Amino acid sequence: MKKILVLALATLTLCVSQTLYAAPALWQIDYQNKTSYLVGTIHATNPELRKSLNKLVPYVKKSRVFIAEINLADSQLQHAGQWMLEAASWSEGLPDDFYSAQESIKIANKLAEMGLPKQLMKRFEPWFLSLRLMILQAVNAGYDFTHSVDQALFEMAQKHQIPSKGLETSRQQIAFLDSFDEHGKSLLLDTIKQLDDIRLSMDAISAIWQSGDVQQLERLIDYSDKTYPSSRQVEERLLKQRNMRWISDLMPELAVGDAFIAVGLMHMAGPSSLLKGLTAEGAVITPVPLD
């Protein structure tokens, strides 16, 4: 369960599916006459996706440092699963009037449909139930969350003795997840609908990852904003605020150069995207074709 934090934040905004011959979305970053690389990741794998990562070996191999959302070499990760369960548990039990009767029925039915006991409603906060549902759907579709793209890239860096860093800690990621209004109730209700939305299907997201088409990704975010009330809160808490912090940490690394940065693909789109923020700081960003 310690890998759950690596995938949790992106899983709240998208899932991925199998795409044959997919190519990762990679960008070259030039800043102060130094070059680094940035890849948009997805937090799960299957055999074909793992095979596609071989295209990134030359870029990882020549890097000075490998930077991910969290440092996967951190020994504290072994405690992350327990920390998350503690944060997600109702401290004094589920309040009697927290869910309406209609909401309770809807949530209980979806949990049962996914093979989960309805008693989870009384034990865990809504944001955690949302996460469980999305991960379970992807696992049922044949996806492996115990060995994510991030983990595979980290192992690639370790193989070539590249030191690693993280942009945030596991405790910080838990705090982001635990910061939703009403404990993430609107997020859970939206998730129940999104699981059946073909526009947000795993195949659709996988196609975007394959093409590296940021404009298509932005159109998807715009659709989500207009369709699901919780989307804007997800973008603000899990994307915009984190992107701003990451940019401050990344600029010194880009000034030195030879950094290989791997973060979730959703951070690359929208008005407050990582790409736009780095560009505003003077970096020149160019897509790298891998096909």
Protein backbone atom coordinates (compact mmCIF):
# COMPACT_ATOMS: atom_id res chain seq x y z
CA MET A 1 0.00 0.00 0.00
CA LYS A 2 2.96 2.35 0.33
CA LYS A 3 2.84 3.09 -3.41
CA ILE A 4 -0.67 4.53 -3.11
CA LEU A 5 0.58 8.09 -2.64
CA VAL A 6 2.48 8.02 -5.89
CA LEU A 7 -0.73 7.40 -7.80
CA ALA A 8 -3.36 8.96 -5.57
CA LEU A 9 -3.36 12.55 -6.76
CA ALA A 10 -3.45 11.87 -10.45
CA THR A 11 -5.93 9.06 -9.99
CA LEU A 12 -8.38 11.59 -8.59
CA THR A 13 -8.43 13.39 -11.93
CA LEU A 14 -7.87 10.60 -14.46
CA CYS A 15 -7.26 6.91 -15.03
CA VAL A 16 -5.41 5.25 -17.89
CA SER A 17 -5.90 2.24 -20.11
CA GLN A 18 -3.92 0.03 -22.41
CA THR A 19 -2.67 1.55 -25.64
CA LEU A 20 -0.40 -0.40 -27.93
CA TYR A 21 2.86 1.29 -28.92
CA ALA A 22 2.15 4.28 -26.70
CA ALA A 23 4.87 6.93 -26.40
CA PRO A 24 5.41 9.00 -23.26
CA ALA A 25 4.85 12.77 -23.41
CA LEU A 26 8.38 14.23 -23.14
CA TRP A 27 9.54 17.85 -23.24
CA GLN A 28 13.02 19.40 -23.45
CA ILE A 29 13.55 22.36 -21.11
CA ASP A 30 16.28 24.88 -21.91
CA TYR A 31 17.12 27.44 -19.23
CA GLN A 32 20.23 29.58 -18.83
CA ASN A 33 22.02 27.55 -21.51
CA LYS A 34 21.33 24.32 -19.65
CA THR A 35 19.09 21.46 -20.78
CA SER A 36 16.78 19.22 -18.77
CA TYR A 37 13.83 16.95 -19.59
CA LEU A 38 10.27 16.69 -18.29
CA VAL A 39 7.97 13.70 -18.79
CA GLY A 40 4.25 13.54 -18.07
CA THR A 41 3.54 10.28 -16.27
CA ILE A 42 0.55 8.09 -15.60
CA HIS A 43 0.45 6.34 -12.26
CA ALA A 44 -0.09 2.77 -13.40
CA THR A 45 1.35 0.37 -15.94
CA ASN A 46 0.68 -2.67 -18.08
CA PRO A 47 3.20 -4.64 -20.16
CA GLU A 48 2.85 -2.42 -23.24
CA LEU A 49 3.30 0.78 -21.26
CA ARG A 50 6.37 -0.60 -19.53
CA LYS A 51 7.80 -1.51 -22.93
CA SER A 52 7.26 2.04 -24.20
CA LEU A 53 9.35 3.44 -21.36
CA ASN A 54 12.47 2.03 -22.99
CA LYS A 55 12.36 5.10 -25.23
CA LEU A 56 13.23 7.22 -22.19
CA VAL A 57 16.35 5.29 -21.19
CA PRO A 58 18.82 7.58 -23.06
CA TYR A 59 17.36 10.67 -21.37
CA VAL A 60 17.36 9.20 -17.87
CA LYS A 61 20.80 7.66 -18.29
CA LYS A 62 22.51 10.97 -19.05
CA SER A 63 20.75 12.95 -16.31
CA ARG A 64 22.34 14.44 -13.21
CA VAL A 65 19.31 13.95 -10.98
CA PHE A 66 15.92 12.22 -11.18
CA ILE A 67 13.06 14.33 -9.75
CA ALA A 68 9.58 12.92 -9.10
CA GLU A 69 6.52 14.03 -7.15
CA ILE A 70 7.86 12.23 -4.08
CA ASN A 71 11.25 10.67 -3.51
CA LEU A 72 10.68 6.97 -4.02
CA ALA A 73 13.93 6.24 -2.17
CA ASP A 74 12.50 7.77 1.03
CA SER A 75 12.39 5.15 3.77
CA GLN A 76 9.34 6.90 5.28
CA LEU A 77 7.21 5.61 2.40
CA GLN A 78 6.83 2.33 4.25
CA HIS A 79 4.56 4.20 6.70
CA ALA A 80 2.56 6.11 4.09
CA GLY A 81 -0.24 3.56 3.79
CA GLN A 82 -0.90 3.64 7.51
CA TRP A 83 -0.77 7.44 7.58
CA MET A 84 -3.32 7.60 4.80
CA LEU A 85 -5.71 5.22 6.56
CA GLU A 86 -5.44 7.28 9.72
CA ALA A 87 -6.15 10.52 7.84
CA ALA A 88 -9.06 8.98 5.92
CA SER A 89 -10.82 7.45 8.93
CA TRP A 90 -13.68 9.32 10.56
CA SER A 91 -12.28 10.48 13.89
CA GLU A 92 -15.65 10.25 15.66
CA GLY A 93 -17.58 8.12 13.22
CA LEU A 94 -19.73 9.17 10.27
CA PRO A 95 -22.03 12.08 11.26
CA ASP A 96 -25.66 10.97 11.12
CA ASP A 97 -26.75 13.72 8.74
CA PHE A 98 -23.63 13.89 6.56
CA TYR A 99 -25.17 12.08 3.57
CA SER A 100 -28.76 12.52 2.45
CA ALA A 101 -30.84 9.36 2.12
CA GLN A 102 -30.51 9.55 -1.67
CA GLU A 103 -26.75 10.05 -1.49
CA SER A 104 -26.36 7.12 0.89
CA ILE A 105 -28.25 4.81 -1.45
CA LYS A 106 -26.24 5.96 -4.46
CA ILE A 107 -22.90 5.44 -2.71
CA ALA A 108 -23.87 2.10 -1.18
CA ASN A 109 -25.06 0.81 -4.57
CA LYS A 110 -21.80 1.82 -6.28
CA LEU A 111 -19.68 0.24 -3.54
CA ALA A 112 -21.68 -2.98 -3.87
CA GLU A 113 -21.40 -2.89 -7.66
CA MET A 114 -17.61 -2.65 -7.32
CA GLY A 115 -17.51 -5.48 -4.78
CA LEU A 116 -16.79 -3.27 -1.77
CA PRO A 117 -18.71 -3.48 1.53
CA LYS A 118 -21.10 -0.58 2.17
CA GLN A 119 -19.73 -0.38 5.71
CA LEU A 120 -16.79 1.54 4.23
CA MET A 121 -19.07 4.59 4.18
CA LYS A 122 -19.11 4.62 7.96
CA ARG A 123 -15.39 4.03 8.33
CA PHE A 124 -13.75 6.29 5.73
CA GLU A 125 -14.15 9.85 4.49
CA PRO A 126 -15.55 10.41 0.97
CA TRP A 127 -12.26 11.41 -0.69
CA PHE A 128 -10.79 8.04 0.24
CA LEU A 129 -13.82 6.17 -1.09
CA SER A 130 -13.46 8.10 -4.35
CA LEU A 131 -9.86 7.04 -4.60
CA ARG A 132 -10.69 3.40 -3.84
CA LEU A 133 -13.38 3.30 -6.52
CA MET A 134 -11.19 4.77 -9.26
CA ILE A 135 -8.24 2.56 -8.46
CA LEU A 136 -10.44 -0.54 -8.32
CA GLN A 137 -11.97 0.22 -11.72
CA ALA A 138 -8.49 0.51 -13.27
CA VAL A 139 -7.27 -2.65 -11.55
CA ASN A 140 -10.30 -4.53 -12.86
CA ALA A 141 -9.32 -3.31 -16.33
CA GLY A 142 -5.92 -4.97 -15.96
CA TYR A 143 -3.80 -2.14 -14.62
CA ASP A 144 -0.97 -2.48 -12.14
CA PHE A 145 -0.75 0.27 -9.51
CA THR A 146 1.98 -1.39 -7.49
CA HIS A 147 4.49 -0.73 -10.26
CA SER A 148 3.64 2.67 -11.70
CA VAL A 149 5.33 4.52 -14.55
CA ASP A 150 6.92 6.69 -11.86
CA GLN A 151 8.28 3.63 -10.09
CA ALA A 152 9.62 2.20 -13.35
CA LEU A 153 11.43 5.45 -14.15
CA PHE A 154 12.82 5.61 -10.62
CA GLU A 155 14.18 2.08 -10.97
CA MET A 156 15.68 3.07 -14.31
CA ALA A 157 17.47 5.98 -12.61
CA GLN A 158 18.65 3.71 -9.79
CA LYS A 159 20.05 1.24 -12.29
CA HIS A 160 22.21 3.99 -13.76
CA GLN A 161 23.13 5.35 -10.31
CA ILE A 162 21.26 8.62 -10.78
CA PRO A 163 20.38 10.26 -7.45
CA SER A 164 16.70 11.02 -6.84
CA LYS A 165 14.73 13.85 -5.25
CA GLY A 166 11.08 14.52 -4.48
CA LEU A 167 9.06 17.71 -4.90
CA GLU A 168 6.95 16.94 -1.82
CA THR A 169 6.67 14.42 0.99
CA SER A 170 4.19 11.62 1.52
CA ARG A 171 2.69 13.49 4.47
CA GLN A 172 2.14 16.54 2.28
CA GLN A 173 0.35 14.44 -0.31
CA ILE A 174 -1.93 13.02 2.36
CA ALA A 175 -2.71 16.55 3.52
CA PHE A 176 -3.67 17.56 -0.05
CA LEU A 177 -6.08 14.65 -0.27
CA ASP A 178 -7.52 15.38 3.14
CA SER A 179 -8.16 19.06 2.40
CA PHE A 180 -11.34 18.85 0.30
CA ASP A 181 -14.44 20.73 1.42
CA GLU A 182 -16.90 18.47 3.26
CA HIS A 183 -14.23 15.77 3.33
CA GLY A 184 -14.59 15.36 -0.44
CA LYS A 185 -18.30 14.52 -0.58
CA SER A 186 -18.89 16.25 -3.92
CA LEU A 187 -15.78 14.52 -5.26
CA LEU A 188 -17.20 11.11 -4.36
CA LEU A 189 -20.60 11.86 -5.89
CA ASP A 190 -18.90 13.08 -9.07
CA THR A 191 -16.65 10.02 -9.14
CA ILE A 192 -19.68 7.73 -9.15
CA LYS A 193 -20.85 9.48 -12.34
CA GLN A 194 -17.39 9.73 -13.91
CA LEU A 195 -16.81 5.99 -13.74
CA ASP A 196 -19.46 5.63 -16.46
CA ASP A 197 -18.46 8.70 -18.52
CA ILE A 198 -16.99 7.61 -21.86
CA ARG A 199 -15.23 10.97 -22.33
CA LEU A 200 -13.27 10.28 -19.16
CA SER A 201 -12.79 6.62 -19.93
CA MET A 202 -9.44 4.93 -19.58
CA ASP A 203 -9.17 4.52 -23.36
CA ALA A 204 -9.73 8.26 -23.90
CA ILE A 205 -7.07 9.27 -21.39
CA SER A 206 -4.63 6.71 -22.73
CA ALA A 207 -5.02 8.11 -26.25
CA ILE A 208 -4.11 11.57 -24.94
CA TRP A 209 -1.04 10.19 -23.19
CA GLN A 210 -0.02 8.41 -26.37
CA SER A 211 -0.26 11.57 -28.47
CA GLY A 212 1.14 13.99 -25.90
CA ASP A 213 -1.53 16.43 -27.14
CA VAL A 214 -1.76 19.07 -24.41
CA GLN A 215 -4.56 20.94 -26.20
CA GLN A 216 -6.67 17.78 -26.20
CA LEU A 217 -5.93 17.37 -22.51
CA GLU A 218 -7.03 20.96 -21.87
CA ARG A 219 -10.29 20.33 -23.73
CA LEU A 220 -10.90 17.35 -21.47
CA ILE A 221 -10.29 19.49 -18.39
CA ASP A 222 -12.69 22.12 -19.74
CA TYR A 223 -15.35 19.44 -20.26
CA SER A 224 -14.82 18.15 -16.73
CA ASP A 225 -15.09 21.68 -15.30
CA LYS A 226 -18.43 22.20 -17.01
CA THR A 227 -19.83 18.77 -16.12
CA TYR A 228 -18.60 17.95 -12.63
CA PRO A 229 -18.80 20.49 -9.76
CA SER A 230 -15.80 19.08 -7.88
CA SER A 231 -13.40 19.48 -10.82
CA ARG A 232 -12.44 23.06 -10.07
CA GLN A 233 -11.61 22.20 -6.48
CA VAL A 234 -9.47 19.29 -7.67
CA GLU A 235 -7.63 21.59 -10.06
CA GLU A 236 -7.07 24.25 -7.41
CA ARG A 237 -5.93 21.91 -4.60
CA LEU A 238 -4.17 19.15 -6.51
CA LEU A 239 -2.82 20.91 -9.60
CA LYS A 240 -2.56 24.72 -9.43
CA GLN A 241 -1.27 25.09 -5.87
CA ARG A 242 1.21 22.26 -6.25
CA ASN A 243 2.45 23.50 -9.64
CA MET A 244 3.27 26.88 -8.11
CA ARG A 245 5.32 25.27 -5.34
CA TRP A 246 7.06 22.92 -7.75
CA ILE A 247 8.14 25.73 -10.07
CA SER A 248 9.98 27.44 -7.20
CA ASP A 249 11.82 24.21 -6.44
CA LEU A 250 12.55 23.33 -10.06
CA MET A 251 14.08 26.60 -11.27
CA PRO A 252 17.38 26.12 -9.36
CA GLU A 253 17.61 22.56 -10.72
CA LEU A 254 17.00 23.80 -14.27
CA ALA A 255 19.73 26.41 -13.82
CA VAL A 256 22.20 23.58 -13.13
CA GLY A 257 20.74 21.44 -15.92
CA ASP A 258 20.67 17.72 -16.69
CA ALA A 259 17.59 17.08 -14.55
CA PHE A 260 15.04 14.44 -15.53
CA ILE A 261 11.65 15.38 -14.07
CA ALA A 262 8.71 12.94 -13.94
CA VAL A 263 5.31 14.17 -12.74
CA GLY A 264 1.67 13.45 -13.58
CA LEU A 265 0.48 14.34 -17.08
CA MET A 266 -2.43 16.41 -15.74
CA HIS A 267 0.06 18.97 -14.46
CA MET A 268 0.90 19.85 -18.06
CA ALA A 269 -2.48 21.37 -19.00
CA GLY A 270 -4.61 24.34 -18.04
CA PRO A 271 -3.90 28.04 -17.41
CA SER A 272 -1.77 27.26 -14.35
CA SER A 273 0.07 24.30 -15.88
CA LEU A 274 3.64 23.42 -15.07
CA LEU A 275 4.61 24.08 -18.69
CA LYS A 276 3.15 27.60 -18.66
CA GLY A 277 4.64 28.37 -15.27
CA LEU A 278 8.14 27.29 -16.26
CA THR A 279 7.85 29.24 -19.50
CA ALA A 280 6.87 32.36 -17.54
CA GLU A 281 10.09 31.97 -15.55
CA GLY A 282 12.15 32.11 -18.74
CA ALA A 283 12.45 28.43 -19.67
CA VAL A 284 12.12 27.41 -23.32
CA ILE A 285 10.09 24.20 -23.61
CA THR A 286 10.02 22.01 -26.72
CA PRO A 287 8.14 18.72 -27.24
CA VAL A 288 10.42 15.76 -27.95
CA PRO A 289 9.01 13.26 -30.49
CA LEU A 290 9.70 9.67 -29.44
CA ASP A 291 7.98 7.70 -32.21
